[in-house]
């Protein structure tokens, strides 16, 4: 599994190192659930990954779980 990276374009002034690490960790969780890297990075800070995980555990495909959670 490839690590999640955040490009310079994704960085904004005022974002702490801790916030970046949390975002990368959330993206990694979404990636492990089966979402593509681009979706994982895009939605890591916008959705509750616990909700997506619960939907996937009940048999929902990852992309549909993301759509429901959005």
PDB file of N, CA and C in Angstrom:
ATOM      1  N   UNK A   1       0.845  -1.164   0.000  1.00  0.00           N
ATOM      2  CA  UNK A   1       0.000   0.000   0.000  1.00  0.00           C
ATOM      3  C   UNK A   1       0.896   1.235   0.000  1.00  0.00           C
ATOM      4  N   UNK A   2       0.601   2.150  -0.903  1.00  0.00           N
ATOM      5  CA  UNK A   2       1.420   3.349  -0.988  1.00  0.00           C
ATOM      6  C   UNK A   2       1.005   4.385   0.051  1.00  0.00           C
ATOM      7  N   UNK A   3       1.962   5.135   0.588  1.00  0.00           N
ATOM      8  CA  UNK A   3       1.620   6.146   1.598  1.00  0.00           C
ATOM      9  C   UNK A   3       0.860   7.302   0.969  1.00  0.00           C
ATOM     10  N   UNK A   4       0.044   7.951   1.776  1.00  0.00           N
ATOM     11  CA  UNK A   4      -0.692   9.127   1.337  1.00  0.00           C
ATOM     12  C   UNK A   4       0.245  10.325   1.417  1.00  0.00           C
ATOM     13  N   UNK A   5       0.312  11.089   0.355  1.00  0.00           N
ATOM     14  CA  UNK A   5       1.111  12.306   0.372  1.00  0.00           C
ATOM     15  C   UNK A   5       0.212  13.496   0.091  1.00  0.00           C
ATOM     16  N   UNK A   6       0.582  14.626   0.624  1.00  0.00           N
ATOM     17  CA  UNK A   6      -0.171  15.847   0.418  1.00  0.00           C
ATOM     18  C   UNK A   6       0.719  16.789  -0.370  1.00  0.00           C
ATOM     19  N   UNK A   7       0.222  17.260  -1.508  1.00  0.00           N
ATOM     20  CA  UNK A   7       1.025  18.138  -2.348  1.00  0.00           C
ATOM     21  C   UNK A   7       1.070  19.549  -1.778  1.00  0.00           C
ATOM     22  N   UNK A   8       2.004  20.333  -2.281  1.00  0.00           N
ATOM     23  CA  UNK A   8       2.110  21.732  -1.851  1.00  0.00           C
ATOM     24  C   UNK A   8       0.821  22.489  -2.128  1.00  0.00           C
ATOM     25  N   UNK A   9       0.122  22.126  -3.200  1.00  0.00           N
ATOM     26  CA  UNK A   9      -1.131  22.797  -3.536  1.00  0.00           C
ATOM     27  C   UNK A   9      -2.208  22.520  -2.495  1.00  0.00           C
ATOM     28  N   UNK A  10      -2.118  21.366  -1.841  1.00  0.00           N
ATOM     29  CA  UNK A  10      -3.102  21.005  -0.813  1.00  0.00           C
ATOM     30  C   UNK A  10      -2.831  21.709   0.510  1.00  0.00           C
ATOM     31  N   UNK A  11      -1.617  22.222   0.661  1.00  0.00           N
ATOM     32  CA  UNK A  11      -1.257  22.882   1.909  1.00  0.00           C
ATOM     33  C   UNK A  11      -1.747  24.322   1.879  1.00  0.00           C
ATOM     34  N   UNK A  12      -2.297  24.750   2.987  1.00  0.00           N
ATOM     35  CA  UNK A  12      -2.695  26.147   3.069  1.00  0.00           C
ATOM     36  C   UNK A  12      -2.000  26.785   4.249  1.00  0.00           C
ATOM     37  N   UNK A  13      -1.778  28.071   4.128  1.00  0.00           N
ATOM     38  CA  UNK A  13      -1.125  28.781   5.216  1.00  0.00           C
ATOM     39  C   UNK A  13      -1.991  28.692   6.455  1.00  0.00           C
ATOM     40  N   UNK A  14      -1.377  28.486   7.579  1.00  0.00           N
ATOM     41  CA  UNK A  14      -2.124  28.384   8.822  1.00  0.00           C
ATOM     42  C   UNK A  14      -2.487  26.952   9.189  1.00  0.00           C
ATOM     43  N   UNK A  15      -2.141  25.994   8.342  1.00  0.00           N
ATOM     44  CA  UNK A  15      -2.405  24.593   8.652  1.00  0.00           C
ATOM     45  C   UNK A  15      -1.224  24.061   9.451  1.00  0.00           C
ATOM     46  N   UNK A  16      -1.518  23.553  10.641  1.00  0.00           N
ATOM     47  CA  UNK A  16      -0.445  23.055  11.499  1.00  0.00           C
ATOM     48  C   UNK A  16       0.020  21.675  11.039  1.00  0.00           C
ATOM     49  N   UNK A  17       1.200  21.310  11.489  1.00  0.00           N
ATOM     50  CA  UNK A  17       1.727  19.981  11.183  1.00  0.00           C
ATOM     51  C   UNK A  17       0.782  18.904  11.714  1.00  0.00           C
ATOM     52  N   UNK A  18       0.234  19.146  12.885  1.00  0.00           N
ATOM     53  CA  UNK A  18      -0.687  18.171  13.473  1.00  0.00           C
ATOM     54  C   UNK A  18      -1.930  17.996  12.605  1.00  0.00           C
ATOM     55  N   UNK A  19      -2.475  19.088  12.091  1.00  0.00           N
ATOM     56  CA  UNK A  19      -3.647  18.993  11.216  1.00  0.00           C
ATOM     57  C   UNK A  19      -3.328  18.225   9.942  1.00  0.00           C
ATOM     58  N   UNK A  20      -2.147  18.445   9.411  1.00  0.00           N
ATOM     59  CA  UNK A  20      -1.734  17.711   8.215  1.00  0.00           C
ATOM     60  C   UNK A  20      -1.585  16.222   8.505  1.00  0.00           C
ATOM     61  N   UNK A  21      -1.020  15.885   9.656  1.00  0.00           N
ATOM     62  CA  UNK A  21      -0.873  14.485  10.033  1.00  0.00           C
ATOM     63  C   UNK A  21      -2.232  13.819  10.230  1.00  0.00           C
ATOM     64  N   UNK A  22      -3.162  14.522  10.857  1.00  0.00           N
ATOM     65  CA  UNK A  22      -4.514  13.978  11.061  1.00  0.00           C
ATOM     66  C   UNK A  22      -5.186  13.752   9.719  1.00  0.00           C
ATOM     67  N   UNK A  23      -5.057  14.717   8.812  1.00  0.00           N
ATOM     68  CA  UNK A  23      -5.656  14.567   7.477  1.00  0.00           C
ATOM     69  C   UNK A  23      -5.072  13.357   6.760  1.00  0.00           C
ATOM     70  N   UNK A  24      -3.758  13.212   6.808  1.00  0.00           N
ATOM     71  CA  UNK A  24      -3.104  12.071   6.154  1.00  0.00           C
ATOM     72  C   UNK A  24      -3.556  10.756   6.781  1.00  0.00           C
ATOM     73  N   UNK A  25      -3.721  10.728   8.105  1.00  0.00           N
ATOM     74  CA  UNK A  25      -4.165   9.512   8.780  1.00  0.00           C
ATOM     75  C   UNK A  25      -5.590   9.159   8.367  1.00  0.00           C
ATOM     76  N   UNK A  26      -6.467  10.147   8.322  1.00  0.00           N
ATOM     77  CA  UNK A  26      -7.851   9.904   7.891  1.00  0.00           C
ATOM     78  C   UNK A  26      -7.897   9.414   6.454  1.00  0.00           C
ATOM     79  N   UNK A  27      -7.081  10.020   5.595  1.00  0.00           N
ATOM     80  CA  UNK A  27      -7.014   9.583   4.204  1.00  0.00           C
ATOM     81  C   UNK A  27      -6.543   8.129   4.127  1.00  0.00           C
ATOM     82  N   UNK A  28      -5.589   7.770   4.948  1.00  0.00           N
ATOM     83  CA  UNK A  28      -5.091   6.387   4.983  1.00  0.00           C
ATOM     84  C   UNK A  28      -6.203   5.419   5.387  1.00  0.00           C
ATOM     85  N   UNK A  29      -7.034   5.815   6.347  1.00  0.00           N
ATOM     86  CA  UNK A  29      -8.150   4.959   6.767  1.00  0.00           C
ATOM     87  C   UNK A  29      -9.120   4.747   5.610  1.00  0.00           C
ATOM     88  N   UNK A  30      -9.435   5.811   4.895  1.00  0.00           N
ATOM     89  CA  UNK A  30     -10.343   5.709   3.747  1.00  0.00           C
ATOM     90  C   UNK A  30      -9.736   4.857   2.642  1.00  0.00           C
ATOM     91  N   UNK A  31      -8.448   4.993   2.424  1.00  0.00           N
ATOM     92  CA  UNK A  31      -7.754   4.188   1.421  1.00  0.00           C
ATOM     93  C   UNK A  31      -7.816   2.712   1.791  1.00  0.00           C
ATOM     94  N   UNK A  32      -7.611   2.396   3.051  1.00  0.00           N
ATOM     95  CA  UNK A  32      -7.668   0.996   3.508  1.00  0.00           C
ATOM     96  C   UNK A  32      -9.063   0.391   3.366  1.00  0.00           C
ATOM     97  N   UNK A  33     -10.074   1.258   3.354  1.00  0.00           N
ATOM     98  CA  UNK A  33     -11.453   0.782   3.189  1.00  0.00           C
ATOM     99  C   UNK A  33     -11.805   0.525   1.729  1.00  0.00           C
ATOM    100  N   UNK A  34     -10.905   0.890   0.824  1.00  0.00           N
ATOM    101  CA  UNK A  34     -11.127   0.582  -0.577  1.00  0.00           C
ATOM    102  C   UNK A  34     -11.379   1.776  -1.475  1.00  0.00           C
ATOM    103  N   UNK A  35     -11.312   2.981  -0.935  1.00  0.00           N
ATOM    104  CA  UNK A  35     -11.475   4.161  -1.782  1.00  0.00           C
ATOM    105  C   UNK A  35     -10.178   4.436  -2.524  1.00  0.00           C
ATOM    106  N   UNK A  36     -10.285   5.071  -3.671  1.00  0.00           N
ATOM    107  CA  UNK A  36      -9.083   5.429  -4.420  1.00  0.00           C
ATOM    108  C   UNK A  36      -8.304   6.483  -3.643  1.00  0.00           C
ATOM    109  N   UNK A  37      -7.036   6.605  -3.960  1.00  0.00           N
ATOM    110  CA  UNK A  37      -6.174   7.563  -3.284  1.00  0.00           C
ATOM    111  C   UNK A  37      -6.701   8.985  -3.448  1.00  0.00           C
ATOM    112  N   UNK A  38      -7.139   9.324  -4.653  1.00  0.00           N
ATOM    113  CA  UNK A  38      -7.617  10.687  -4.884  1.00  0.00           C
ATOM    114  C   UNK A  38      -8.886  10.972  -4.083  1.00  0.00           C
ATOM    115  N   UNK A  39      -9.804  10.019  -4.003  1.00  0.00           N
ATOM    116  CA  UNK A  39     -11.013  10.221  -3.197  1.00  0.00           C
ATOM    117  C   UNK A  39     -10.679  10.289  -1.715  1.00  0.00           C
ATOM    118  N   UNK A  40      -9.778   9.431  -1.288  1.00  0.00           N
ATOM    119  CA  UNK A  40      -9.397   9.400   0.126  1.00  0.00           C
ATOM    120  C   UNK A  40      -8.806  10.733   0.561  1.00  0.00           C
ATOM    121  N   UNK A  41      -7.903  11.272  -0.231  1.00  0.00           N
ATOM    122  CA  UNK A  41      -7.261  12.546   0.110  1.00  0.00           C
ATOM    123  C   UNK A  41      -8.276  13.687   0.040  1.00  0.00           C
ATOM    124  N   UNK A  42      -9.118  13.672  -0.967  1.00  0.00           N
ATOM    125  CA  UNK A  42     -10.098  14.746  -1.147  1.00  0.00           C
ATOM    126  C   UNK A  42     -11.101  14.805  -0.012  1.00  0.00           C
ATOM    127  N   UNK A  43     -11.599  13.657   0.429  1.00  0.00           N
ATOM    128  CA  UNK A  43     -12.694  13.643   1.394  1.00  0.00           C
ATOM    129  C   UNK A  43     -12.268  13.367   2.833  1.00  0.00           C
ATOM    130  N   UNK A  44     -10.984  13.208   3.085  1.00  0.00           N
ATOM    131  CA  UNK A  44     -10.517  12.875   4.438  1.00  0.00           C
ATOM    132  C   UNK A  44     -10.980  13.871   5.493  1.00  0.00           C
ATOM    133  N   UNK A  45     -11.004  15.117   5.162  1.00  0.00           N
ATOM    134  CA  UNK A  45     -11.414  16.131   6.127  1.00  0.00           C
ATOM    135  C   UNK A  45     -12.878  16.499   6.047  1.00  0.00           C
ATOM    136  N   UNK A  46     -13.620  15.846   5.156  1.00  0.00           N
ATOM    137  CA  UNK A  46     -15.011  16.233   4.911  1.00  0.00           C
ATOM    138  C   UNK A  46     -16.039  15.217   5.379  1.00  0.00           C
ATOM    139  N   UNK A  47     -15.616  13.998   5.639  1.00  0.00           N
ATOM    140  CA  UNK A  47     -16.562  12.953   6.027  1.00  0.00           C
ATOM    141  C   UNK A  47     -16.115  12.278   7.324  1.00  0.00           C
ATOM    142  N   UNK A  48     -17.052  11.627   7.966  1.00  0.00           N
ATOM    143  CA  UNK A  48     -16.749  10.840   9.159  1.00  0.00           C
ATOM    144  C   UNK A  48     -16.384   9.431   8.697  1.00  0.00           C
ATOM    145  N   UNK A  49     -15.113   9.089   8.806  1.00  0.00           N
ATOM    146  CA  UNK A  49     -14.678   7.789   8.292  1.00  0.00           C
ATOM    147  C   UNK A  49     -15.301   6.634   9.074  1.00  0.00           C
ATOM    148  N   UNK A  50     -15.708   6.897  10.322  1.00  0.00           N
ATOM    149  CA  UNK A  50     -16.373   5.850  11.101  1.00  0.00           C
ATOM    150  C   UNK A  50     -17.706   5.464  10.450  1.00  0.00           C
ATOM    151  N   UNK A  51     -18.426   6.455   9.946  1.00  0.00           N
ATOM    152  CA  UNK A  51     -19.701   6.202   9.276  1.00  0.00           C
ATOM    153  C   UNK A  51     -19.487   5.382   8.008  1.00  0.00           C
ATOM    154  N   UNK A  52     -18.467   5.723   7.261  1.00  0.00           N
ATOM    155  CA  UNK A  52     -18.156   4.975   6.040  1.00  0.00           C
ATOM    156  C   UNK A  52     -17.763   3.542   6.383  1.00  0.00           C
ATOM    157  N   UNK A  53     -16.947   3.368   7.415  1.00  0.00           N
ATOM    158  CA  UNK A  53     -16.534   2.027   7.837  1.00  0.00           C
ATOM    159  C   UNK A  53     -17.739   1.184   8.240  1.00  0.00           C
ATOM    160  N   UNK A  54     -18.682   1.786   8.960  1.00  0.00           N
ATOM    161  CA  UNK A  54     -19.877   1.052   9.393  1.00  0.00           C
ATOM    162  C   UNK A  54     -20.703   0.609   8.192  1.00  0.00           C
ATOM    163  N   UNK A  55     -20.835   1.477   7.201  1.00  0.00           N
ATOM    164  CA  UNK A  55     -21.590   1.117   5.992  1.00  0.00           C
ATOM    165  C   UNK A  55     -20.893  -0.015   5.235  1.00  0.00           C
ATOM    166  N   UNK A  56     -19.579   0.073   5.117  1.00  0.00           N
ATOM    167  CA  UNK A  56     -18.820  -0.965   4.411  1.00  0.00           C
ATOM    168  C   UNK A  56     -18.928  -2.295   5.140  1.00  0.00           C
ATOM    169  N   UNK A  57     -18.883  -2.262   6.467  1.00  0.00           N
ATOM    170  CA  UNK A  57     -19.015  -3.491   7.256  1.00  0.00           C
ATOM    171  C   UNK A  57     -20.352  -4.175   7.010  1.00  0.00           C
ATOM    172  N   UNK A  58     -21.372  -3.386   6.680  1.00  0.00           N
ATOM    173  CA  UNK A  58     -22.697  -3.940   6.395  1.00  0.00           C
ATOM    174  C   UNK A  58     -22.872  -4.319   4.934  1.00  0.00           C
ATOM    175  N   UNK A  59     -21.779  -4.236   4.157  1.00  0.00           N
ATOM    176  CA  UNK A  59     -21.815  -4.707   2.780  1.00  0.00           C
ATOM    177  C   UNK A  59     -21.925  -3.634   1.718  1.00  0.00           C
ATOM    178  N   UNK A  60     -21.898  -2.400   2.090  1.00  0.00           N
ATOM    179  CA  UNK A  60     -22.003  -1.296   1.144  1.00  0.00           C
ATOM    180  C   UNK A  60     -20.670  -1.129   0.406  1.00  0.00           C
ATOM    181  N   UNK A  61     -20.693  -0.961  -0.917  1.00  0.00           N
ATOM    182  CA  UNK A  61     -19.442  -0.700  -1.632  1.00  0.00           C
ATOM    183  C   UNK A  61     -18.821   0.630  -1.171  1.00  0.00           C
ATOM    184  N   UNK A  62     -17.502   0.725  -1.123  1.00  0.00           N
ATOM    185  CA  UNK A  62     -16.845   1.921  -0.607  1.00  0.00           C
ATOM    186  C   UNK A  62     -17.289   3.230  -1.267  1.00  0.00           C
ATOM    187  N   UNK A  63     -17.386   3.261  -2.581  1.00  0.00           N
ATOM    188  CA  UNK A  63     -17.771   4.498  -3.261  1.00  0.00           C
ATOM    189  C   UNK A  63     -19.192   4.917  -2.889  1.00  0.00           C
ATOM    190  N   UNK A  64     -20.088   3.954  -2.769  1.00  0.00           N
ATOM    191  CA  UNK A  64     -21.460   4.263  -2.371  1.00  0.00           C
ATOM    192  C   UNK A  64     -21.504   4.713  -0.916  1.00  0.00           C
ATOM    193  N   UNK A  65     -20.717   4.098  -0.062  1.00  0.00           N
ATOM    194  CA  UNK A  65     -20.644   4.507   1.339  1.00  0.00           C
ATOM    195  C   UNK A  65     -20.177   5.955   1.447  1.00  0.00           C
ATOM    196  N   UNK A  66     -19.200   6.335   0.634  1.00  0.00           N
ATOM    197  CA  UNK A  66     -18.730   7.714   0.616  1.00  0.00           C
ATOM    198  C   UNK A  66     -19.843   8.643   0.173  1.00  0.00           C
ATOM    199  N   UNK A  67     -20.562   8.269  -0.854  1.00  0.00           N
ATOM    200  CA  UNK A  67     -21.660   9.090  -1.358  1.00  0.00           C
ATOM    201  C   UNK A  67     -22.743   9.276  -0.294  1.00  0.00           C
ATOM    202  N   UNK A  68     -23.070   8.239   0.424  1.00  0.00           N
ATOM    203  CA  UNK A  68     -24.077   8.308   1.480  1.00  0.00           C
ATOM    204  C   UNK A  68     -23.590   9.206   2.611  1.00  0.00           C
ATOM    205  N   UNK A  69     -22.330   9.080   2.979  1.00  0.00           N
ATOM    206  CA  UNK A  69     -21.774   9.831   4.110  1.00  0.00           C
ATOM    207  C   UNK A  69     -21.589  11.319   3.782  1.00  0.00           C
ATOM    208  N   UNK A  70     -21.507  11.644   2.510  1.00  0.00           N
ATOM    209  CA  UNK A  70     -21.309  13.042   2.128  1.00  0.00           C
ATOM    210  C   UNK A  70     -22.563  13.765   2.398  1.00  0.00           C
TER     211      UNK A  70
END
